[in-house]
C-alpha atoms as a PDB file:
ATOM      1  CA  MET A   1     106.868  94.959 143.478  1.00  0.00           C
ATOM      2  CA  SER A   2     107.595  94.718 139.749  1.00  0.00           C
ATOM      3  CA  GLN A   3     104.908  94.625 137.176  1.00  0.00           C
ATOM      4  CA  THR A   4     104.858  92.534 134.129  1.00  0.00           C
ATOM      5  CA  ILE A   5     103.682  93.808 130.899  1.00  0.00           C
ATOM      6  CA  ARG A   6     102.239  91.175 128.371  1.00  0.00           C
ATOM      7  CA  VAL A   7     102.302  91.853 124.877  1.00  0.00           C
ATOM      8  CA  MET A   8     100.133  89.903 122.558  1.00  0.00           C
ATOM      9  CA  LYS A   9     101.739  88.636 119.359  1.00  0.00           C
ATOM     10  CA  THR A  10      99.771  87.592 116.140  1.00  0.00           C
ATOM     11  CA  LYS A  11     101.037  85.424 113.399  1.00  0.00           C
ATOM     12  CA  LEU A  12     101.078  87.146 109.929  1.00  0.00           C
ATOM     13  CA  THR A  13     101.574  85.606 106.490  1.00  0.00           C
ATOM     14  CA  LEU A  14     103.265  87.922 103.932  1.00  0.00           C
ATOM     15  CA  THR A  15     103.891  87.373 100.236  1.00  0.00           C
ATOM     16  CA  ILE A  16     107.246  88.704  99.475  1.00  0.00           C
ATOM     17  CA  GLU A  17     109.739  88.211  96.707  1.00  0.00           C
ATOM     18  CA  LYS A  18     112.068  85.217  97.464  1.00  0.00           C
ATOM     19  CA  SER A  19     115.295  87.301  96.855  1.00  0.00           C
ATOM     20  CA  VAL A  20     114.062  89.905  99.204  1.00  0.00           C
ATOM     21  CA  ILE A  21     113.270  87.336 101.953  1.00  0.00           C
ATOM     22  CA  GLU A  22     116.678  85.722 101.507  1.00  0.00           C
ATOM     23  CA  LYS A  23     118.523  89.127 101.849  1.00  0.00           C
ATOM     24  CA  ALA A  24     116.214  90.049 104.806  1.00  0.00           C
ATOM     25  CA  LYS A  25     117.008  86.772 106.661  1.00  0.00           C
ATOM     26  CA  GLU A  26     120.671  87.277 106.143  1.00  0.00           C
ATOM     27  CA  PHE A  27     120.491  90.892 107.362  1.00  0.00           C
ATOM     28  CA  ALA A  28     118.441  89.707 110.400  1.00  0.00           C
ATOM     29  CA  GLY A  29     120.952  86.942 111.131  1.00  0.00           C
ATOM     30  CA  ASN A  30     123.957  89.302 110.904  1.00  0.00           C
ATOM     31  CA  SER A  31     122.286  91.929 113.142  1.00  0.00           C
ATOM     32  CA  GLY A  32     121.289  89.349 115.764  1.00  0.00           C
ATOM     33  CA  LYS A  33     117.391  89.952 115.256  1.00  0.00           C
ATOM     34  CA  SER A  34     114.703  87.790 114.056  1.00  0.00           C
ATOM     35  CA  LEU A  35     113.026  88.638 110.697  1.00  0.00           C
ATOM     36  CA  SER A  36     109.883  89.207 112.728  1.00  0.00           C
ATOM     37  CA  ASP A  37     111.625  91.809 114.771  1.00  0.00           C
ATOM     38  CA  LEU A  38     112.964  93.581 111.733  1.00  0.00           C
ATOM     39  CA  VAL A  39     109.527  93.806 110.048  1.00  0.00           C
ATOM     40  CA  GLU A  40     107.868  94.782 113.339  1.00  0.00           C
ATOM     41  CA  ARG A  41     110.368  97.688 113.768  1.00  0.00           C
ATOM     42  CA  TYR A  42     110.054  98.764 110.264  1.00  0.00           C
ATOM     43  CA  LEU A  43     106.316  98.964 110.463  1.00  0.00           C
ATOM     44  CA  GLU A  44     106.492 100.768 113.773  1.00  0.00           C
ATOM     45  CA  LYS A  45     108.696 103.386 112.126  1.00  0.00           C
ATOM     46  CA  GLU A  46     106.604 103.808 109.086  1.00  0.00           C
ATOM     47  CA  ILE A  47     103.494 104.193 111.365  1.00  0.00           C
ATOM     48  CA  ALA A  48     105.165 106.775 113.615  1.00  0.00           C
ATOM     49  CA  GLU A  49     106.155 108.744 110.629  1.00  0.00           C
ATOM     50  CA  ALA A  50     102.898 108.843 108.974  1.00  0.00           C
ATOM     51  CA  GLU A  51     101.237 109.817 112.363  1.00  0.00           C
ATOM     52  CA  LEU A  52     103.908 112.680 112.700  1.00  0.00           C
ATOM     53  CA  GLN A  53     103.062 113.923 109.169  1.00  0.00           C
ATOM     54  CA  GLN A  54      99.281 113.799 110.015  1.00  0.00           C
ATOM     55  CA  SER A  55      99.714 115.652 113.268  1.00  0.00           C
ATOM     56  CA  ASN A  56     101.469 118.401 111.472  1.00  0.00           C
ATOM     57  CA  LEU A  57      98.459 119.072 109.065  1.00  0.00           C
ATOM     58  CA  PRO A  58      95.890 121.671 109.768  1.00  0.00           C
ATOM     59  CA  GLU A  59      92.725 120.214 111.429  1.00  0.00           C
ATOM     60  CA  GLU A  60      90.556 120.614 108.299  1.00  0.00           C
ATOM     61  CA  PHE A  61      92.977 118.475 106.112  1.00  0.00           C
ATOM     62  CA  LYS A  62      93.424 115.592 108.707  1.00  0.00           C
ATOM     63  CA  GLY A  63      90.186 113.771 107.394  1.00  0.00           C
ATOM     64  CA  LEU A  64      91.953 113.598 103.865  1.00  0.00           C
ATOM     65  CA  PHE A  65      95.157 111.942 105.109  1.00  0.00           C
ATOM     66  CA  GLY A  66      95.571 108.677 103.215  1.00  0.00           C
ATOM     67  CA  SER A  67      92.594 109.145 100.924  1.00  0.00           C
ATOM     68  CA  VAL A  68      94.731 109.547  97.928  1.00  0.00           C
ATOM     69  CA  ASN A  69      97.100 106.851  96.771  1.00  0.00           C
ATOM     70  CA  LEU A  70      99.891 108.387  94.764  1.00  0.00           C
ATOM     71  CA  PRO A  71     102.115 106.225  92.606  1.00  0.00           C
ATOM     72  CA  THR A  72     105.302 105.090  94.488  1.00  0.00           C
ATOM     73  CA  GLU A  73     107.413 106.204  91.596  1.00  0.00           C
ATOM     74  CA  LEU A  74     106.044 109.717  91.764  1.00  0.00           C
ATOM     75  CA  ASN A  75     108.601 112.477  91.732  1.00  0.00           C
ATOM     76  CA  GLU A  76     106.829 115.265  93.509  1.00  0.00           C
ATOM     77  CA  LYS A  77     109.447 118.007  92.400  1.00  0.00           C
ATOM     78  CA  GLU A  78     109.253 117.044  88.870  1.00  0.00           C
ATOM     79  CA  ALA A  79     105.488 117.029  88.861  1.00  0.00           C
ATOM     80  CA  ILE A  80     105.351 120.512  90.300  1.00  0.00           C
ATOM     81  CA  ARG A  81     108.024 121.733  87.684  1.00  0.00           C
ATOM     82  CA  GLU A  82     105.876 120.249  84.960  1.00  0.00           C
ATOM     83  CA  ILE A  83     102.557 121.727  86.223  1.00  0.00           C
ATOM     84  CA  LEU A  84     104.247 125.144  86.597  1.00  0.00           C
ATOM     85  CA  SER A  85     105.711 125.013  83.182  1.00  0.00           C
ATOM     86  CA  HIS A  86     102.315 124.257  81.567  1.00  0.00           C
ATOM     87  CA  LYS A  87     100.755 127.082  83.500  1.00  0.00           C
ATOM     88  CA  HIS A  88     103.406 129.714  82.424  1.00  0.00           C
ATOM     89  CA  LYS A  89     103.248 128.527  78.835  1.00  0.00           C
ATOM     90  CA  GLY A  90      99.815 130.195  78.542  1.00  0.00           C
END
């Protein structure tokens, strides 16, 4: 006897730059997938990566995960270099 798994889908409205939508629709069409499939897979991947990062944290830091929103353009290596250069200047 086979078992059917039902997945509940929910409609979502997003506001995205028109040029990005056009490119995404073309990409989806060329890859034989729907735009909804691409967005869903992207979100699943991002969530899985975030969960993996959080699972690697020591237990006492897990509650802090996501509590700080860093700028997307932040270059962590450059920020560390800058902090260390100020520290060593005296």
